[in-house]
N, C-alpha and C. Protein backbone atom coordinates (compact mmCIF):
# COMPACT_ATOMS: atom_id res chain seq x y z
N MET A 1 0.85 -1.18 0.00
CA MET A 1 0.00 0.00 0.00
C MET A 1 0.89 1.24 0.00
N SER A 2 0.66 2.15 -0.94
CA SER A 2 1.48 3.35 -1.04
C SER A 2 1.13 4.34 0.06
N VAL A 3 1.98 5.33 0.21
CA VAL A 3 1.75 6.37 1.23
C VAL A 3 0.47 7.14 0.94
N ASP A 4 0.22 7.42 -0.34
CA ASP A 4 -1.00 8.13 -0.71
C ASP A 4 -2.25 7.32 -0.38
N ASP A 5 -2.18 6.02 -0.61
CA ASP A 5 -3.32 5.15 -0.29
C ASP A 5 -3.57 5.10 1.21
N GLN A 6 -2.49 5.05 1.98
CA GLN A 6 -2.62 5.05 3.44
C GLN A 6 -3.24 6.36 3.93
N LYS A 7 -2.77 7.46 3.36
CA LYS A 7 -3.29 8.78 3.74
C LYS A 7 -4.77 8.89 3.41
N LYS A 8 -5.14 8.40 2.22
CA LYS A 8 -6.54 8.44 1.80
C LYS A 8 -7.41 7.58 2.72
N ALA A 9 -6.94 6.39 3.06
CA ALA A 9 -7.69 5.51 3.96
C ALA A 9 -7.82 6.14 5.35
N HIS A 10 -6.75 6.77 5.81
CA HIS A 10 -6.77 7.45 7.11
C HIS A 10 -7.81 8.57 7.11
N ASN A 11 -7.80 9.38 6.05
CA ASN A 11 -8.76 10.49 5.95
C ASN A 11 -10.20 9.97 5.90
N GLU A 12 -10.43 8.92 5.14
CA GLU A 12 -11.78 8.35 5.03
C GLU A 12 -12.25 7.81 6.38
N ALA A 13 -11.35 7.17 7.11
CA ALA A 13 -11.71 6.64 8.43
C ALA A 13 -12.06 7.78 9.39
N ARG A 14 -11.30 8.85 9.35
CA ARG A 14 -11.58 10.01 10.22
C ARG A 14 -12.92 10.65 9.87
N ILE A 15 -13.20 10.75 8.58
CA ILE A 15 -14.48 11.33 8.17
C ILE A 15 -15.64 10.45 8.62
N LYS A 16 -15.49 9.14 8.51
CA LYS A 16 -16.53 8.22 8.99
C LYS A 16 -16.76 8.38 10.49
N GLN A 17 -15.67 8.51 11.24
CA GLN A 17 -15.79 8.72 12.69
C GLN A 17 -16.54 10.02 12.98
N ALA A 18 -16.19 11.08 12.26
CA ALA A 18 -16.84 12.37 12.46
C ALA A 18 -18.32 12.29 12.13
N ILE A 19 -18.66 11.55 11.08
CA ILE A 19 -20.07 11.39 10.71
C ILE A 19 -20.84 10.69 11.82
N ILE A 20 -20.24 9.67 12.43
CA ILE A 20 -20.89 8.96 13.53
C ILE A 20 -21.12 9.91 14.70
N LEU A 21 -20.11 10.70 15.06
CA LEU A 21 -20.25 11.64 16.18
C LEU A 21 -21.29 12.72 15.88
N LEU A 22 -21.29 13.23 14.65
CA LEU A 22 -22.28 14.25 14.29
C LEU A 22 -23.69 13.68 14.30
N THR A 23 -23.85 12.43 13.90
CA THR A 23 -25.16 11.79 13.92
C THR A 23 -25.68 11.68 15.36
N ARG A 24 -24.78 11.37 16.28
CA ARG A 24 -25.18 11.33 17.70
C ARG A 24 -25.66 12.70 18.18
N ILE A 25 -24.95 13.75 17.78
CA ILE A 25 -25.34 15.11 18.17
C ILE A 25 -26.70 15.45 17.58
N ILE A 26 -26.89 15.14 16.30
CA ILE A 26 -28.14 15.46 15.61
C ILE A 26 -29.33 14.74 16.26
N ASN A 27 -29.11 13.53 16.74
CA ASN A 27 -30.20 12.73 17.31
C ASN A 27 -30.39 12.93 18.81
N ASP A 28 -29.60 13.81 19.42
CA ASP A 28 -29.70 14.05 20.87
C ASP A 28 -30.69 15.18 21.13
N PRO A 29 -31.87 14.87 21.69
CA PRO A 29 -32.88 15.91 21.92
C PRO A 29 -32.49 16.92 23.00
N SER A 30 -31.46 16.64 23.79
CA SER A 30 -31.06 17.59 24.82
C SER A 30 -30.18 18.71 24.26
N ILE A 31 -29.78 18.58 23.00
CA ILE A 31 -28.96 19.61 22.36
C ILE A 31 -29.89 20.58 21.63
N PRO A 32 -29.66 21.89 21.81
CA PRO A 32 -30.54 22.89 21.17
C PRO A 32 -30.61 22.72 19.64
N ARG A 33 -31.75 23.11 19.11
CA ARG A 33 -32.05 22.93 17.69
C ARG A 33 -31.03 23.62 16.78
N ASN A 34 -30.59 24.82 17.12
CA ASN A 34 -29.65 25.53 16.24
C ASN A 34 -28.32 24.79 16.14
N ILE A 35 -27.92 24.12 17.20
CA ILE A 35 -26.67 23.36 17.20
C ILE A 35 -26.85 22.08 16.38
N ARG A 36 -28.00 21.43 16.53
CA ARG A 36 -28.28 20.24 15.72
C ARG A 36 -28.35 20.60 14.24
N ARG A 37 -28.89 21.79 13.95
CA ARG A 37 -28.97 22.24 12.56
C ARG A 37 -27.56 22.44 11.98
N ALA A 38 -26.67 23.04 12.76
CA ALA A 38 -25.28 23.24 12.31
C ALA A 38 -24.58 21.89 12.14
N ALA A 39 -24.85 20.97 13.04
CA ALA A 39 -24.26 19.63 12.92
C ALA A 39 -24.75 18.94 11.65
N THR A 40 -26.01 19.16 11.30
CA THR A 40 -26.56 18.59 10.07
C THR A 40 -25.87 19.18 8.85
N LYS A 41 -25.63 20.51 8.87
CA LYS A 41 -24.92 21.16 7.75
C LYS A 41 -23.50 20.60 7.63
N ALA A 42 -22.84 20.43 8.76
CA ALA A 42 -21.48 19.89 8.75
C ALA A 42 -21.48 18.45 8.22
N LEU A 43 -22.48 17.67 8.62
CA LEU A 43 -22.60 16.29 8.16
C LEU A 43 -22.79 16.24 6.64
N LEU A 44 -23.65 17.10 6.13
CA LEU A 44 -23.87 17.15 4.67
C LEU A 44 -22.59 17.56 3.95
N MET A 45 -21.84 18.46 4.55
CA MET A 45 -20.57 18.90 3.96
C MET A 45 -19.60 17.72 3.87
N LEU A 46 -19.55 16.91 4.92
CA LEU A 46 -18.64 15.76 4.93
C LEU A 46 -19.06 14.69 3.93
N GLN A 47 -20.32 14.67 3.57
CA GLN A 47 -20.82 13.67 2.62
C GLN A 47 -20.75 14.15 1.17
N GLU A 48 -20.31 15.39 0.97
CA GLU A 48 -20.19 15.96 -0.38
C GLU A 48 -19.15 15.20 -1.20
N LYS A 49 -19.55 14.65 -2.31
CA LYS A 49 -18.65 13.81 -3.12
C LYS A 49 -17.66 14.61 -3.96
N SER A 50 -18.02 15.83 -4.33
CA SER A 50 -17.20 16.59 -5.27
C SER A 50 -15.99 17.27 -4.64
N LEU A 51 -15.89 17.26 -3.31
CA LEU A 51 -14.80 17.95 -2.63
C LEU A 51 -13.75 16.96 -2.12
N SER A 52 -12.54 17.45 -1.96
CA SER A 52 -11.47 16.61 -1.40
C SER A 52 -11.69 16.49 0.11
N PRO A 53 -11.11 15.47 0.73
CA PRO A 53 -11.29 15.29 2.18
C PRO A 53 -10.86 16.51 3.00
N GLY A 54 -9.77 17.14 2.61
CA GLY A 54 -9.29 18.31 3.35
C GLY A 54 -10.26 19.48 3.28
N VAL A 55 -10.85 19.69 2.12
CA VAL A 55 -11.81 20.78 1.94
C VAL A 55 -13.10 20.47 2.70
N LYS A 56 -13.56 19.22 2.62
CA LYS A 56 -14.75 18.82 3.38
C LYS A 56 -14.55 19.10 4.87
N ALA A 57 -13.40 18.66 5.38
CA ALA A 57 -13.11 18.81 6.80
C ALA A 57 -13.02 20.29 7.18
N ALA A 58 -12.34 21.09 6.37
CA ALA A 58 -12.20 22.52 6.68
C ALA A 58 -13.55 23.22 6.69
N ASN A 59 -14.41 22.89 5.73
CA ASN A 59 -15.74 23.51 5.69
C ASN A 59 -16.57 23.10 6.90
N ALA A 60 -16.51 21.84 7.26
CA ALA A 60 -17.27 21.36 8.42
C ALA A 60 -16.75 22.02 9.71
N VAL A 61 -15.42 22.14 9.84
CA VAL A 61 -14.83 22.79 11.02
C VAL A 61 -15.31 24.23 11.11
N SER A 62 -15.37 24.91 9.99
CA SER A 62 -15.83 26.30 9.97
C SER A 62 -17.26 26.42 10.48
N ILE A 63 -18.12 25.54 10.02
CA ILE A 63 -19.53 25.54 10.46
C ILE A 63 -19.62 25.27 11.96
N LEU A 64 -18.90 24.25 12.43
CA LEU A 64 -18.98 23.86 13.83
C LEU A 64 -18.31 24.88 14.75
N ASP A 65 -17.24 25.48 14.30
CA ASP A 65 -16.54 26.47 15.11
C ASP A 65 -17.42 27.69 15.35
N GLU A 66 -18.15 28.08 14.32
CA GLU A 66 -19.03 29.23 14.44
C GLU A 66 -20.12 28.99 15.50
N VAL A 67 -20.75 27.83 15.46
CA VAL A 67 -21.84 27.54 16.40
C VAL A 67 -21.31 27.23 17.81
N SER A 68 -20.06 26.79 17.92
CA SER A 68 -19.52 26.45 19.24
C SER A 68 -19.28 27.69 20.11
N GLN A 69 -19.37 28.87 19.51
CA GLN A 69 -19.21 30.11 20.26
C GLN A 69 -20.49 30.53 20.99
N ASP A 70 -21.57 29.80 20.76
CA ASP A 70 -22.86 30.12 21.37
C ASP A 70 -22.77 30.00 22.90
N PRO A 71 -23.00 31.10 23.62
CA PRO A 71 -22.89 31.05 25.09
C PRO A 71 -23.97 30.21 25.77
N ASN A 72 -25.06 29.94 25.07
CA ASN A 72 -26.16 29.17 25.66
C ASN A 72 -26.04 27.67 25.42
N MET A 73 -24.93 27.26 24.81
CA MET A 73 -24.76 25.84 24.51
C MET A 73 -24.45 25.05 25.78
N PRO A 74 -25.14 23.91 25.96
CA PRO A 74 -24.83 23.05 27.11
C PRO A 74 -23.39 22.54 27.02
N THR A 75 -22.78 22.32 28.17
CA THR A 75 -21.38 21.89 28.22
C THR A 75 -21.15 20.59 27.45
N HIS A 76 -22.04 19.62 27.61
CA HIS A 76 -21.83 18.34 26.93
C HIS A 76 -21.90 18.49 25.40
N ALA A 77 -22.72 19.43 24.93
CA ALA A 77 -22.82 19.66 23.49
C ALA A 77 -21.54 20.30 22.97
N ARG A 78 -21.01 21.26 23.71
CA ARG A 78 -19.77 21.92 23.31
C ARG A 78 -18.62 20.91 23.26
N THR A 79 -18.56 20.06 24.26
CA THR A 79 -17.51 19.03 24.29
C THR A 79 -17.63 18.09 23.10
N SER A 80 -18.84 17.70 22.77
CA SER A 80 -19.06 16.82 21.61
C SER A 80 -18.61 17.49 20.32
N LEU A 81 -18.97 18.77 20.16
CA LEU A 81 -18.56 19.50 18.96
C LEU A 81 -17.04 19.63 18.89
N TRP A 82 -16.42 19.92 20.01
CA TRP A 82 -14.95 20.05 20.02
C TRP A 82 -14.28 18.73 19.66
N ASN A 83 -14.87 17.62 20.09
CA ASN A 83 -14.33 16.30 19.72
C ASN A 83 -14.36 16.11 18.20
N VAL A 84 -15.46 16.51 17.58
CA VAL A 84 -15.58 16.39 16.13
C VAL A 84 -14.56 17.31 15.44
N VAL A 85 -14.47 18.55 15.92
CA VAL A 85 -13.54 19.52 15.32
C VAL A 85 -12.10 19.01 15.43
N THR A 86 -11.74 18.50 16.59
CA THR A 86 -10.38 17.97 16.78
C THR A 86 -10.10 16.84 15.81
N LEU A 87 -11.05 15.97 15.63
CA LEU A 87 -10.91 14.86 14.69
C LEU A 87 -10.74 15.37 13.26
N LEU A 88 -11.56 16.33 12.87
CA LEU A 88 -11.53 16.84 11.50
C LEU A 88 -10.25 17.64 11.22
N GLU A 89 -9.70 18.26 12.23
CA GLU A 89 -8.50 19.08 12.03
C GLU A 89 -7.28 18.21 11.68
N THR A 90 -7.36 16.91 11.89
CA THR A 90 -6.24 16.02 11.54
C THR A 90 -6.26 15.63 10.06
N ILE A 91 -7.32 15.99 9.34
CA ILE A 91 -7.45 15.61 7.93
C ILE A 91 -6.79 16.66 7.05
N LYS A 92 -5.84 16.21 6.28
CA LYS A 92 -5.11 17.08 5.34
C LYS A 92 -5.10 16.42 3.98
N ASP A 93 -5.10 17.24 2.94
CA ASP A 93 -5.01 16.71 1.56
C ASP A 93 -3.57 16.41 1.21
């Protein structure tokens, strides 16, 4: 397996992990609707076929970073979002 193939597989695995975490956030009724909406946008961005993994991750991080500044966000929701952002920040093209 070449280095590029390993990198691609690593990026795909990270995106799959992020999708699982975002799905949990979206399905958690204790998280405010605006945060679930942003998580849905980030999820759709990660599922976009026409973009490279790095661009998908950067766009999703941008969406999640913006909503994570909400002062009314519950602590557990903020922690969940930060976990997703940390995971996505490891994806590079």
